[in-house]
Amino acid sequence: MYEVLFQRLNQLVFLNPRQQQELRDVLQVIKRPKDDCFLEVGQVSNHIYFVQAGILRSFYTFEGKEVTQWFCFPNHFAASYFSFAYRQPSKDCLSSLTEVTLLAISYNSLQQLIHQDKVWADLNRRLLEHYYTMSLQRIASFQVLSTAERYEQLLYEHPTIESEVPLGYLASYLGMTQETLSRIRRRKKKRK
């Protein structure tokens, strides 16, 4: 159950067997049904999740429309990081697009680990750096890539995403209307 998690974490910081056991001792296994919103706007995020199975979606509402910020697929981490780290109300919702199985660590458990061993603070910092870098790359994609290029990049990174995520959510994530995404997809099919 924990092997893939430890493989991912060891890419950031090596965890010895004792540290791995310390983490196992505080992790919770959480199963959520499809379309379950388990972090609402205004709530403080109390967990970081590692997705074992299923897909999560982060979104907020702007002018009455849901705007998708990100998707989280198996073997990746998810949280409302600003809310989690700074204990502030979340500005986004976290919802399951499918049934999900998650490994979760609470804020309090992470703080206890950090106080016991500096490896946890280092791991937390490296994880945040990794996702900060991904956020910068996403921002840059909006600055330099066309809508069609962003779509192609998404398909390259996640080849099965079209069969897993509703078209409207994909369009929102890519910063375009559903109609624009449909036109881009039609053009792509004609070229093949």
N, C-alpha and C. Protein backbone atom coordinates (compact mmCIF):
# COMPACT_ATOMS: atom_id res chain seq x y z
N MET A 1 0.81 -1.21 0.00
CA MET A 1 0.00 0.00 0.00
C MET A 1 0.86 1.27 0.00
N TYR A 2 2.02 1.20 0.63
CA TYR A 2 2.84 2.40 0.79
C TYR A 2 4.04 2.47 -0.16
N GLU A 3 4.28 1.41 -0.93
CA GLU A 3 5.50 1.33 -1.73
C GLU A 3 5.65 2.49 -2.70
N VAL A 4 4.59 2.79 -3.44
CA VAL A 4 4.67 3.87 -4.44
C VAL A 4 4.88 5.22 -3.76
N LEU A 5 4.21 5.42 -2.64
CA LEU A 5 4.41 6.66 -1.87
C LEU A 5 5.88 6.82 -1.50
N PHE A 6 6.48 5.77 -0.96
CA PHE A 6 7.88 5.87 -0.55
C PHE A 6 8.81 6.05 -1.75
N GLN A 7 8.47 5.45 -2.88
CA GLN A 7 9.27 5.68 -4.09
C GLN A 7 9.24 7.16 -4.48
N ARG A 8 8.04 7.75 -4.44
CA ARG A 8 7.90 9.18 -4.78
C ARG A 8 8.65 10.06 -3.79
N LEU A 9 8.50 9.76 -2.50
CA LEU A 9 9.17 10.56 -1.48
C LEU A 9 10.68 10.43 -1.57
N ASN A 10 11.17 9.22 -1.86
CA ASN A 10 12.62 9.01 -1.96
C ASN A 10 13.23 9.74 -3.16
N GLN A 11 12.42 10.15 -4.12
CA GLN A 11 12.94 10.98 -5.21
C GLN A 11 13.27 12.38 -4.70
N LEU A 12 12.66 12.75 -3.58
CA LEU A 12 12.89 14.08 -2.99
C LEU A 12 13.91 14.03 -1.86
N VAL A 13 13.73 13.09 -0.94
CA VAL A 13 14.60 12.91 0.22
C VAL A 13 14.58 11.44 0.60
N PHE A 14 15.73 10.85 0.84
CA PHE A 14 15.77 9.44 1.22
C PHE A 14 15.22 9.27 2.64
N LEU A 15 14.28 8.34 2.79
CA LEU A 15 13.72 8.00 4.10
C LEU A 15 14.21 6.62 4.50
N ASN A 16 14.83 6.53 5.67
CA ASN A 16 15.29 5.23 6.15
C ASN A 16 14.10 4.44 6.69
N PRO A 17 14.28 3.15 6.98
CA PRO A 17 13.15 2.33 7.45
C PRO A 17 12.43 2.89 8.69
N ARG A 18 13.17 3.46 9.62
CA ARG A 18 12.54 4.04 10.81
C ARG A 18 11.64 5.21 10.43
N GLN A 19 12.12 6.08 9.55
CA GLN A 19 11.33 7.24 9.12
C GLN A 19 10.11 6.79 8.33
N GLN A 20 10.27 5.77 7.51
CA GLN A 20 9.13 5.24 6.77
C GLN A 20 8.06 4.73 7.74
N GLN A 21 8.49 4.05 8.80
CA GLN A 21 7.53 3.54 9.78
C GLN A 21 6.85 4.69 10.52
N GLU A 22 7.60 5.74 10.84
CA GLU A 22 7.00 6.90 11.50
C GLU A 22 5.89 7.50 10.64
N LEU A 23 6.14 7.55 9.34
CA LEU A 23 5.12 8.08 8.44
C LEU A 23 3.92 7.13 8.36
N ARG A 24 4.17 5.84 8.23
CA ARG A 24 3.07 4.86 8.20
C ARG A 24 2.17 5.00 9.42
N ASP A 25 2.78 5.26 10.57
CA ASP A 25 2.04 5.34 11.83
C ASP A 25 1.05 6.50 11.87
N VAL A 26 1.30 7.55 11.08
CA VAL A 26 0.41 8.72 11.14
C VAL A 26 -0.47 8.87 9.89
N LEU A 27 -0.23 8.06 8.88
CA LEU A 27 -1.04 8.16 7.66
C LEU A 27 -2.43 7.56 7.88
N GLN A 28 -3.41 8.19 7.27
CA GLN A 28 -4.78 7.66 7.27
C GLN A 28 -5.12 7.24 5.85
N VAL A 29 -5.83 6.14 5.71
CA VAL A 29 -6.34 5.72 4.41
C VAL A 29 -7.77 6.25 4.32
N ILE A 30 -8.03 7.02 3.28
CA ILE A 30 -9.35 7.64 3.11
C ILE A 30 -9.90 7.22 1.75
N LYS A 31 -11.14 6.78 1.74
CA LYS A 31 -11.83 6.46 0.49
C LYS A 31 -13.00 7.43 0.36
N ARG A 32 -13.13 8.01 -0.83
CA ARG A 32 -14.20 8.96 -1.10
C ARG A 32 -14.95 8.55 -2.36
N PRO A 33 -16.27 8.76 -2.37
CA PRO A 33 -17.03 8.45 -3.59
C PRO A 33 -16.82 9.52 -4.65
N LYS A 34 -17.26 9.21 -5.84
CA LYS A 34 -17.22 10.17 -6.95
C LYS A 34 -18.02 11.42 -6.58
N ASP A 35 -17.55 12.57 -7.02
CA ASP A 35 -18.22 13.87 -6.84
C ASP A 35 -18.37 14.27 -5.37
N ASP A 36 -17.41 13.89 -4.55
CA ASP A 36 -17.43 14.28 -3.14
C ASP A 36 -16.52 15.48 -2.95
N CYS A 37 -17.08 16.59 -2.51
CA CYS A 37 -16.30 17.80 -2.25
C CYS A 37 -15.85 17.74 -0.79
N PHE A 38 -14.57 17.48 -0.58
CA PHE A 38 -14.12 17.31 0.81
C PHE A 38 -13.27 18.45 1.32
N LEU A 39 -13.14 19.51 0.55
CA LEU A 39 -12.62 20.78 1.06
C LEU A 39 -13.42 21.88 0.39
N GLU A 40 -14.11 22.66 1.17
CA GLU A 40 -14.96 23.74 0.66
C GLU A 40 -14.23 25.07 0.79
N VAL A 41 -14.63 26.04 -0.01
CA VAL A 41 -14.12 27.40 0.14
C VAL A 41 -14.42 27.86 1.56
N GLY A 42 -13.42 28.46 2.19
CA GLY A 42 -13.60 28.98 3.54
C GLY A 42 -13.15 28.03 4.64
N GLN A 43 -12.99 26.74 4.31
CA GLN A 43 -12.47 25.80 5.30
C GLN A 43 -10.94 25.85 5.29
N VAL A 44 -10.34 25.53 6.43
CA VAL A 44 -8.89 25.42 6.49
C VAL A 44 -8.52 24.00 6.11
N SER A 45 -7.57 23.86 5.19
CA SER A 45 -7.12 22.54 4.75
C SER A 45 -6.28 21.90 5.84
N ASN A 46 -6.68 20.74 6.30
CA ASN A 46 -5.99 20.06 7.39
C ASN A 46 -5.20 18.84 6.96
N HIS A 47 -5.16 18.55 5.65
CA HIS A 47 -4.47 17.35 5.19
C HIS A 47 -3.73 17.58 3.88
N ILE A 48 -2.65 16.84 3.72
CA ILE A 48 -2.01 16.65 2.42
C ILE A 48 -2.35 15.22 2.03
N TYR A 49 -2.75 15.03 0.78
CA TYR A 49 -3.18 13.73 0.29
C TYR A 49 -2.20 13.19 -0.74
N PHE A 50 -2.02 11.88 -0.72
CA PHE A 50 -1.32 11.18 -1.79
C PHE A 50 -2.36 10.30 -2.45
N VAL A 51 -2.57 10.52 -3.74
CA VAL A 51 -3.63 9.81 -4.46
C VAL A 51 -3.12 8.43 -4.85
N GLN A 52 -3.75 7.40 -4.29
CA GLN A 52 -3.42 6.02 -4.67
C GLN A 52 -4.24 5.58 -5.87
N ALA A 53 -5.50 5.98 -5.90
CA ALA A 53 -6.38 5.61 -7.01
C ALA A 53 -7.40 6.72 -7.19
N GLY A 54 -7.77 6.98 -8.45
CA GLY A 54 -8.78 7.97 -8.75
C GLY A 54 -8.18 9.31 -9.16
N ILE A 55 -9.07 10.30 -9.34
CA ILE A 55 -8.66 11.62 -9.80
C ILE A 55 -9.33 12.68 -8.93
N LEU A 56 -8.55 13.67 -8.53
CA LEU A 56 -9.07 14.82 -7.79
C LEU A 56 -9.07 16.04 -8.68
N ARG A 57 -9.90 17.00 -8.31
CA ARG A 57 -9.97 18.26 -9.04
C ARG A 57 -10.02 19.40 -8.04
N SER A 58 -9.25 20.45 -8.29
CA SER A 58 -9.30 21.67 -7.49
C SER A 58 -9.94 22.75 -8.35
N PHE A 59 -10.90 23.47 -7.77
CA PHE A 59 -11.57 24.53 -8.53
C PHE A 59 -12.07 25.62 -7.60
N TYR A 60 -12.35 26.77 -8.19
CA TYR A 60 -12.98 27.88 -7.48
C TYR A 60 -14.07 28.44 -8.38
N THR A 61 -14.91 29.28 -7.82
CA THR A 61 -15.99 29.87 -8.60
C THR A 61 -15.67 31.34 -8.86
N PHE A 62 -15.77 31.75 -10.13
CA PHE A 62 -15.53 33.14 -10.52
C PHE A 62 -16.67 33.57 -11.43
N GLU A 63 -17.35 34.63 -11.05
CA GLU A 63 -18.48 35.15 -11.80
C GLU A 63 -19.49 34.04 -12.13
N GLY A 64 -19.74 33.21 -11.15
CA GLY A 64 -20.75 32.16 -11.29
C GLY A 64 -20.31 30.92 -12.05
N LYS A 65 -19.04 30.87 -12.47
CA LYS A 65 -18.54 29.72 -13.22
C LYS A 65 -17.41 29.05 -12.45
N GLU A 66 -17.41 27.71 -12.51
CA GLU A 66 -16.32 26.97 -11.89
C GLU A 66 -15.07 27.05 -12.78
N VAL A 67 -13.95 27.35 -12.14
CA VAL A 67 -12.67 27.42 -12.84
C VAL A 67 -11.76 26.33 -12.27
N THR A 68 -11.37 25.41 -13.12
CA THR A 68 -10.52 24.30 -12.69
C THR A 68 -9.07 24.77 -12.59
N GLN A 69 -8.48 24.59 -11.41
CA GLN A 69 -7.08 24.97 -11.20
C GLN A 69 -6.14 23.84 -11.56
N TRP A 70 -6.47 22.62 -11.11
CA TRP A 70 -5.61 21.48 -11.40
C TRP A 70 -6.37 20.18 -11.21
N PHE A 71 -5.79 19.13 -11.78
CA PHE A 71 -6.24 17.76 -11.59
C PHE A 71 -5.11 17.04 -10.87
N CYS A 72 -5.45 16.06 -10.09
CA CYS A 72 -4.44 15.25 -9.43
C CYS A 72 -4.72 13.79 -9.71
N PHE A 73 -3.75 13.14 -10.31
CA PHE A 73 -3.87 11.75 -10.73
C PHE A 73 -3.14 10.84 -9.75
N PRO A 74 -3.32 9.53 -9.89
CA PRO A 74 -2.62 8.61 -8.98
C PRO A 74 -1.12 8.86 -8.93
N ASN A 75 -0.59 8.65 -7.73
CA ASN A 75 0.84 8.77 -7.44
C ASN A 75 1.33 10.22 -7.38
N HIS A 76 0.39 11.13 -7.12
CA HIS A 76 0.73 12.54 -6.92
C HIS A 76 0.12 13.04 -5.63
N PHE A 77 0.64 14.17 -5.17
CA PHE A 77 0.18 14.77 -3.93
C PHE A 77 -0.82 15.87 -4.22
N ALA A 78 -1.76 16.07 -3.30
CA ALA A 78 -2.78 17.10 -3.47
C ALA A 78 -3.08 17.76 -2.13
N ALA A 79 -3.33 19.05 -2.19
CA ALA A 79 -3.77 19.81 -1.02
C ALA A 79 -4.07 21.22 -1.49
N SER A 80 -4.76 21.94 -0.67
CA SER A 80 -4.83 23.38 -0.85
C SER A 80 -3.64 23.92 -0.05
N TYR A 81 -2.48 23.99 -0.71
CA TYR A 81 -1.21 24.20 -0.01
C TYR A 81 -1.15 25.49 0.79
N PHE A 82 -1.64 26.58 0.23
CA PHE A 82 -1.60 27.85 0.96
C PHE A 82 -2.41 27.73 2.24
N SER A 83 -3.61 27.18 2.13
CA SER A 83 -4.47 27.00 3.29
C SER A 83 -3.81 26.07 4.31
N PHE A 84 -3.23 24.97 3.83
CA PHE A 84 -2.59 24.00 4.72
C PHE A 84 -1.40 24.62 5.45
N ALA A 85 -0.51 25.25 4.71
CA ALA A 85 0.73 25.76 5.29
C ALA A 85 0.52 26.96 6.20
N TYR A 86 -0.39 27.86 5.82
CA TYR A 86 -0.56 29.11 6.55
C TYR A 86 -1.79 29.14 7.44
N ARG A 87 -2.53 28.00 7.47
CA ARG A 87 -3.71 27.87 8.32
C ARG A 87 -4.74 28.95 8.02
N GLN A 88 -4.91 29.23 6.74
CA GLN A 88 -5.85 30.24 6.26
C GLN A 88 -7.03 29.55 5.56
N PRO A 89 -8.19 30.20 5.52
CA PRO A 89 -9.33 29.61 4.79
C PRO A 89 -8.97 29.36 3.33
N SER A 90 -9.40 28.24 2.83
CA SER A 90 -9.12 27.87 1.44
C SER A 90 -9.93 28.74 0.49
N LYS A 91 -9.33 29.07 -0.64
CA LYS A 91 -10.03 29.82 -1.69
C LYS A 91 -10.53 28.89 -2.78
N ASP A 92 -10.26 27.59 -2.62
CA ASP A 92 -10.68 26.63 -3.64
C ASP A 92 -11.35 25.43 -2.99
N CYS A 93 -12.01 24.65 -3.83
CA CYS A 93 -12.66 23.41 -3.42
C CYS A 93 -11.80 22.25 -3.91
N LEU A 94 -11.81 21.17 -3.16
CA LEU A 94 -11.14 19.96 -3.57
C LEU A 94 -12.20 18.87 -3.65
N SER A 95 -12.32 18.26 -4.85
CA SER A 95 -13.41 17.33 -5.11
C SER A 95 -12.88 16.10 -5.83
N SER A 96 -13.57 14.97 -5.64
CA SER A 96 -13.20 13.73 -6.33
C SER A 96 -13.97 13.63 -7.64
N LEU A 97 -13.25 13.46 -8.74
CA LEU A 97 -13.90 13.25 -10.04
C LEU A 97 -14.33 11.81 -10.22
N THR A 98 -13.66 10.92 -9.51
CA THR A 98 -13.95 9.49 -9.54
C THR A 98 -13.93 9.02 -8.09
N GLU A 99 -14.23 7.77 -7.87
CA GLU A 99 -13.95 7.20 -6.55
C GLU A 99 -12.45 7.33 -6.33
N VAL A 100 -12.05 7.69 -5.11
CA VAL A 100 -10.63 7.87 -4.84
C VAL A 100 -10.22 7.12 -3.57
N THR A 101 -8.98 6.70 -3.58
CA THR A 101 -8.33 6.17 -2.38
C THR A 101 -7.11 7.05 -2.13
N LEU A 102 -7.05 7.59 -0.93
CA LEU A 102 -6.02 8.56 -0.60
C LEU A 102 -5.27 8.12 0.66
N LEU A 103 -3.99 8.47 0.71
CA LEU A 103 -3.24 8.41 1.95
C LEU A 103 -3.12 9.85 2.42
N ALA A 104 -3.50 10.10 3.66
CA ALA A 104 -3.55 11.48 4.14
C ALA A 104 -2.72 11.64 5.40
N ILE A 105 -2.03 12.78 5.46
CA ILE A 105 -1.34 13.16 6.68
C ILE A 105 -1.93 14.48 7.14
N SER A 106 -2.24 14.57 8.41
CA SER A 106 -2.83 15.79 8.95
C SER A 106 -1.75 16.83 9.22
N TYR A 107 -2.18 18.05 9.31
CA TYR A 107 -1.26 19.15 9.63
C TYR A 107 -0.57 18.88 10.96
N ASN A 108 -1.34 18.50 11.98
CA ASN A 108 -0.75 18.25 13.30
C ASN A 108 0.26 17.11 13.28
N SER A 109 -0.06 16.04 12.55
CA SER A 109 0.88 14.92 12.46
C SER A 109 2.16 15.32 11.76
N LEU A 110 2.04 16.11 10.70
CA LEU A 110 3.24 16.58 10.00
C LEU A 110 4.08 17.45 10.91
N GLN A 111 3.44 18.33 11.67
CA GLN A 111 4.19 19.19 12.59
C GLN A 111 4.92 18.36 13.63
N GLN A 112 4.30 17.30 14.14
CA GLN A 112 4.96 16.42 15.12
C GLN A 112 6.19 15.76 14.49
N LEU A 113 6.04 15.28 13.26
CA LEU A 113 7.18 14.65 12.59
C LEU A 113 8.30 15.67 12.39
N ILE A 114 7.96 16.87 11.98
CA ILE A 114 8.96 17.92 11.74
C ILE A 114 9.74 18.21 13.02
N HIS A 115 9.07 18.21 14.15
CA HIS A 115 9.74 18.48 15.43
C HIS A 115 10.63 17.31 15.86
N GLN A 116 10.35 16.11 15.37
CA GLN A 116 11.14 14.93 15.74
C GLN A 116 12.41 14.79 14.91
N ASP A 117 12.33 15.18 13.63
CA ASP A 117 13.43 14.87 12.71
C ASP A 117 13.42 15.91 11.58
N LYS A 118 14.58 16.51 11.34
CA LYS A 118 14.64 17.57 10.32
C LYS A 118 14.38 17.05 8.90
N VAL A 119 14.46 15.74 8.67
CA VAL A 119 14.20 15.19 7.34
C VAL A 119 12.80 15.55 6.88
N TRP A 120 11.84 15.65 7.81
CA TRP A 120 10.46 15.94 7.44
C TRP A 120 10.30 17.38 6.99
N ALA A 121 11.02 18.30 7.64
CA ALA A 121 10.98 19.70 7.20
C ALA A 121 11.61 19.83 5.82
N ASP A 122 12.70 19.10 5.60
CA ASP A 122 13.36 19.12 4.30
C ASP A 122 12.45 18.54 3.23
N LEU A 123 11.79 17.43 3.54
CA LEU A 123 10.87 16.81 2.59
C LEU A 123 9.71 17.74 2.27
N ASN A 124 9.13 18.36 3.28
CA ASN A 124 8.03 19.30 3.08
C ASN A 124 8.47 20.45 2.18
N ARG A 125 9.66 20.99 2.44
CA ARG A 125 10.18 22.09 1.62
C ARG A 125 10.39 21.65 0.17
N ARG A 126 10.96 20.47 -0.03
CA ARG A 126 11.21 19.99 -1.40
C ARG A 126 9.91 19.71 -2.15
N LEU A 127 8.93 19.20 -1.44
CA LEU A 127 7.63 18.95 -2.06
C LEU A 127 6.99 20.28 -2.49
N LEU A 128 7.05 21.27 -1.62
CA LEU A 128 6.50 22.58 -1.96
C LEU A 128 7.27 23.21 -3.12
N GLU A 129 8.59 23.07 -3.14
CA GLU A 129 9.38 23.59 -4.25
C GLU A 129 8.98 22.93 -5.57
N HIS A 130 8.76 21.62 -5.52
CA HIS A 130 8.37 20.88 -6.72
C HIS A 130 7.05 21.42 -7.28
N TYR A 131 6.06 21.58 -6.42
CA TYR A 131 4.76 22.04 -6.89
C TYR A 131 4.76 23.54 -7.21
N TYR A 132 5.62 24.30 -6.57
CA TYR A 132 5.78 25.71 -6.93
C TYR A 132 6.34 25.81 -8.35
N THR A 133 7.33 24.98 -8.66
CA THR A 133 7.92 24.97 -10.00
C THR A 133 6.87 24.58 -11.04
N MET A 134 6.04 23.59 -10.71
CA MET A 134 4.98 23.19 -11.64
C MET A 134 4.00 24.35 -11.87
N SER A 135 3.70 25.11 -10.82
CA SER A 135 2.80 26.26 -10.96
C SER A 135 3.41 27.32 -11.87
N LEU A 136 4.71 27.56 -11.71
CA LEU A 136 5.38 28.52 -12.59
C LEU A 136 5.35 28.07 -14.05
N GLN A 137 5.53 26.78 -14.27
CA GLN A 137 5.47 26.25 -15.64
C GLN A 137 4.07 26.42 -16.22
N ARG A 138 3.07 26.22 -15.38
CA ARG A 138 1.68 26.40 -15.85
C ARG A 138 1.42 27.85 -16.22
N ILE A 139 1.88 28.78 -15.41
CA ILE A 139 1.72 30.20 -15.70
C ILE A 139 2.44 30.54 -17.01
N ALA A 140 3.66 30.03 -17.15
CA ALA A 140 4.42 30.31 -18.38
C ALA A 140 3.70 29.77 -19.60
N SER A 141 3.03 28.62 -19.47
CA SER A 141 2.33 28.05 -20.62
C SER A 141 1.22 29.00 -21.09
N PHE A 142 0.59 29.70 -20.18
CA PHE A 142 -0.45 30.66 -20.56
C PHE A 142 0.16 31.90 -21.21
N GLN A 143 1.41 32.18 -20.91
CA GLN A 143 2.05 33.37 -21.46
C GLN A 143 2.65 33.13 -22.84
N VAL A 144 3.06 31.88 -23.12
CA VAL A 144 3.80 31.67 -24.38
C VAL A 144 3.16 30.67 -25.34
N LEU A 145 2.22 29.86 -24.87
CA LEU A 145 1.62 28.86 -25.74
C LEU A 145 0.21 29.28 -26.18
N SER A 146 -0.14 28.89 -27.39
CA SER A 146 -1.51 29.12 -27.86
C SER A 146 -2.43 28.13 -27.16
N THR A 147 -3.73 28.32 -27.31
CA THR A 147 -4.69 27.39 -26.71
C THR A 147 -4.48 25.98 -27.26
N ALA A 148 -4.25 25.88 -28.57
CA ALA A 148 -4.03 24.56 -29.18
C ALA A 148 -2.75 23.92 -28.65
N GLU A 149 -1.71 24.71 -28.45
CA GLU A 149 -0.45 24.17 -27.91
C GLU A 149 -0.61 23.72 -26.46
N ARG A 150 -1.38 24.45 -25.67
CA ARG A 150 -1.63 24.02 -24.29
C ARG A 150 -2.38 22.70 -24.27
N TYR A 151 -3.34 22.55 -25.17
CA TYR A 151 -4.09 21.30 -25.28
C TYR A 151 -3.15 20.15 -25.66
N GLU A 152 -2.30 20.36 -26.65
CA GLU A 152 -1.35 19.32 -27.08
C GLU A 152 -0.39 18.96 -25.94
N GLN A 153 0.06 19.94 -25.21
CA GLN A 153 0.96 19.69 -24.08
C GLN A 153 0.25 18.84 -23.01
N LEU A 154 -1.01 19.16 -22.73
CA LEU A 154 -1.77 18.40 -21.75
C LEU A 154 -1.92 16.95 -22.19
N LEU A 155 -2.21 16.73 -23.47
CA LEU A 155 -2.34 15.36 -23.98
C LEU A 155 -1.02 14.61 -23.93
N TYR A 156 0.07 15.32 -24.15
CA TYR A 156 1.39 14.70 -24.07
C TYR A 156 1.68 14.25 -22.64
N GLU A 157 1.34 15.11 -21.67
CA GLU A 157 1.60 14.80 -20.25
C GLU A 157 0.63 13.77 -19.69
N HIS A 158 -0.61 13.80 -20.16
CA HIS A 158 -1.66 12.89 -19.67
C HIS A 158 -2.46 12.35 -20.86
N PRO A 159 -1.93 11.35 -21.56
CA PRO A 159 -2.56 10.86 -22.80
C PRO A 159 -4.00 10.37 -22.65
N THR A 160 -4.40 9.94 -21.47
CA THR A 160 -5.75 9.39 -21.29
C THR A 160 -6.73 10.38 -20.66
N ILE A 161 -6.32 11.61 -20.50
CA ILE A 161 -7.13 12.57 -19.75
C ILE A 161 -8.51 12.80 -20.38
N GLU A 162 -8.60 12.76 -21.70
CA GLU A 162 -9.89 13.02 -22.35
C GLU A 162 -10.94 11.97 -22.00
N SER A 163 -10.51 10.76 -21.72
CA SER A 163 -11.46 9.72 -21.35
C SER A 163 -11.75 9.71 -19.85
N GLU A 164 -11.00 10.47 -19.08
CA GLU A 164 -11.12 10.46 -17.63
C GLU A 164 -11.78 11.71 -17.04
N VAL A 165 -11.71 12.81 -17.78
CA VAL A 165 -12.15 14.11 -17.26
C VAL A 165 -13.18 14.72 -18.20
N PRO A 166 -14.30 15.22 -17.69
CA PRO A 166 -15.30 15.86 -18.55
C PRO A 166 -14.71 17.03 -19.35
N LEU A 167 -15.19 17.17 -20.58
CA LEU A 167 -14.68 18.18 -21.50
C LEU A 167 -14.75 19.60 -20.92
N GLY A 168 -15.83 19.92 -20.23
CA GLY A 168 -15.96 21.26 -19.64
C GLY A 168 -14.87 21.55 -18.63
N TYR A 169 -14.50 20.55 -17.83
CA TYR A 169 -13.42 20.74 -16.85
C TYR A 169 -12.08 20.92 -17.55
N LEU A 170 -11.87 20.16 -18.63
CA LEU A 170 -10.63 20.30 -19.40
C LEU A 170 -10.52 21.71 -20.00
N ALA A 171 -11.61 22.16 -20.58
CA ALA A 171 -11.60 23.50 -21.19
C ALA A 171 -11.29 24.56 -20.13
N SER A 172 -11.93 24.46 -18.99
CA SER A 172 -11.70 25.42 -17.91
C SER A 172 -10.24 25.40 -17.48
N TYR A 173 -9.68 24.21 -17.31
CA TYR A 173 -8.28 24.07 -16.90
C TYR A 173 -7.35 24.71 -17.93
N LEU A 174 -7.69 24.57 -19.20
CA LEU A 174 -6.86 25.11 -20.28
C LEU A 174 -7.10 26.59 -20.55
N GLY A 175 -8.08 27.18 -19.86
CA GLY A 175 -8.34 28.60 -20.00
C GLY A 175 -9.08 28.95 -21.28
N MET A 176 -10.03 28.10 -21.68
CA MET A 176 -10.79 28.35 -22.90
C MET A 176 -12.23 27.88 -22.69
N THR A 177 -13.08 28.25 -23.61
CA THR A 177 -14.45 27.76 -23.53
C THR A 177 -14.51 26.33 -24.03
N GLN A 178 -15.59 25.66 -23.72
CA GLN A 178 -15.79 24.29 -24.18
C GLN A 178 -15.90 24.27 -25.71
N GLU A 179 -16.51 25.30 -26.27
CA GLU A 179 -16.65 25.38 -27.73
C GLU A 179 -15.28 25.49 -28.41
N THR A 180 -14.40 26.31 -27.84
CA THR A 180 -13.06 26.45 -28.41
C THR A 180 -12.31 25.13 -28.35
N LEU A 181 -12.41 24.43 -27.23
CA LEU A 181 -11.75 23.14 -27.10
C LEU A 181 -12.32 22.14 -28.11
N SER A 182 -13.62 22.17 -28.31
CA SER A 182 -14.24 21.26 -29.30
C SER A 182 -13.71 21.55 -30.70
N ARG A 183 -13.55 22.83 -31.05
CA ARG A 183 -13.01 23.20 -32.37
C ARG A 183 -11.57 22.70 -32.51
N ILE A 184 -10.76 22.88 -31.47
CA ILE A 184 -9.36 22.43 -31.51
C ILE A 184 -9.31 20.92 -31.69
N ARG A 185 -10.16 20.20 -31.00
CA ARG A 185 -10.19 18.74 -31.10
C ARG A 185 -10.61 18.30 -32.50
N ARG A 186 -11.63 19.00 -33.09
CA ARG A 186 -12.07 18.66 -34.45
C ARG A 186 -10.94 18.87 -35.46
N ARG A 187 -10.23 20.00 -35.33
CA ARG A 187 -9.12 20.29 -36.24
C ARG A 187 -8.03 19.22 -36.11
N LYS A 188 -7.78 18.82 -34.90
CA LYS A 188 -6.75 17.80 -34.67
C LYS A 188 -7.16 16.48 -35.33
N LYS A 189 -8.41 16.09 -35.21
CA LYS A 189 -8.89 14.85 -35.81
C LYS A 189 -8.82 14.91 -37.34
N LYS A 190 -9.11 16.09 -37.94
CA LYS A 190 -9.04 16.23 -39.40
C LYS A 190 -7.61 16.08 -39.90
N ARG A 191 -6.65 16.54 -39.12
CA ARG A 191 -5.24 16.46 -39.52
C ARG A 191 -4.74 15.02 -39.53
N LYS A 192 -5.35 14.15 -38.75
CA LYS A 192 -4.87 12.76 -38.65
C LYS A 192 -5.26 11.93 -39.81
